[in-house]
Amino acid sequence: MNRQKLSIIGMPMDLGQMRRGVDMGPSAIRYAGVNERLKCLFEEIHDQGDIAIG
């Protein structure tokens, strides 16, 4: 199986949302261990952090 590379980019934004905390989605996914879970599918995983919104 040819394993590929993956880059993860977070975009914490809550524009148009009425609920508080939706901008914390990218950090919640990282905290849940998305990088570790994807290691079985990808040879390399690079977490590029969050895009600055402002």
Protein backbone atom coordinates (compact mmCIF):
# COMPACT_ATOMS: atom_id res chain seq x y z
CA MET A 1 0.00 0.00 0.00
CA ASN A 2 1.35 3.41 -0.99
CA ARG A 3 1.05 5.60 2.10
CA GLN A 4 0.85 9.31 1.48
CA LYS A 5 1.57 12.56 3.30
CA LEU A 6 -1.07 14.67 5.03
CA SER A 7 -1.07 18.28 6.22
CA ILE A 8 -3.61 19.43 8.79
CA ILE A 9 -4.61 23.10 8.89
CA GLY A 10 -7.04 24.48 11.46
CA MET A 11 -9.40 27.39 10.86
CA PRO A 12 -10.91 28.57 14.15
CA MET A 13 -13.82 30.79 13.22
CA ASP A 14 -17.33 31.39 14.45
CA LEU A 15 -18.70 33.81 11.86
CA GLY A 16 -22.45 33.44 11.56
CA GLN A 17 -22.72 31.03 14.49
CA MET A 18 -24.98 31.68 17.45
CA ARG A 19 -23.28 29.14 19.72
CA ARG A 20 -20.19 30.01 21.68
CA GLY A 21 -17.15 27.79 21.37
CA VAL A 22 -17.44 26.67 17.75
CA ASP A 23 -14.11 28.37 17.07
CA MET A 24 -12.50 25.84 19.41
CA GLY A 25 -13.21 22.98 16.97
CA PRO A 26 -9.67 22.63 15.58
CA SER A 27 -8.09 22.47 19.03
CA ALA A 28 -10.73 20.00 20.23
CA ILE A 29 -10.01 17.69 17.29
CA ARG A 30 -6.28 17.86 18.02
CA TYR A 31 -6.88 17.22 21.73
CA ALA A 32 -8.93 14.13 20.80
CA GLY A 33 -5.84 12.70 19.08
CA VAL A 34 -6.58 13.04 15.37
CA ASN A 35 -2.86 12.90 14.50
CA GLU A 36 -2.35 9.60 16.32
CA ARG A 37 -5.44 8.05 14.77
CA LEU A 38 -4.41 9.01 11.24
CA LYS A 39 -0.91 7.52 11.53
CA CYS A 40 -2.21 4.15 10.34
CA LEU A 41 -3.32 5.74 7.04
CA PHE A 42 -0.57 8.25 6.27
CA GLU A 43 3.20 7.96 6.19
CA GLU A 44 3.75 11.55 7.32
CA ILE A 45 1.41 13.93 9.12
CA HIS A 46 2.28 17.61 9.47
CA ASP A 47 0.10 19.77 11.69
CA GLN A 48 0.47 23.29 10.31
CA GLY A 49 -1.39 24.87 13.23
CA ASP A 50 -4.26 27.30 12.90
CA ILE A 51 -4.76 30.00 10.30
CA ALA A 52 -4.89 33.45 11.88
CA ILE A 53 -8.38 34.91 11.45
CA GLY A 54 -8.76 38.56 12.01
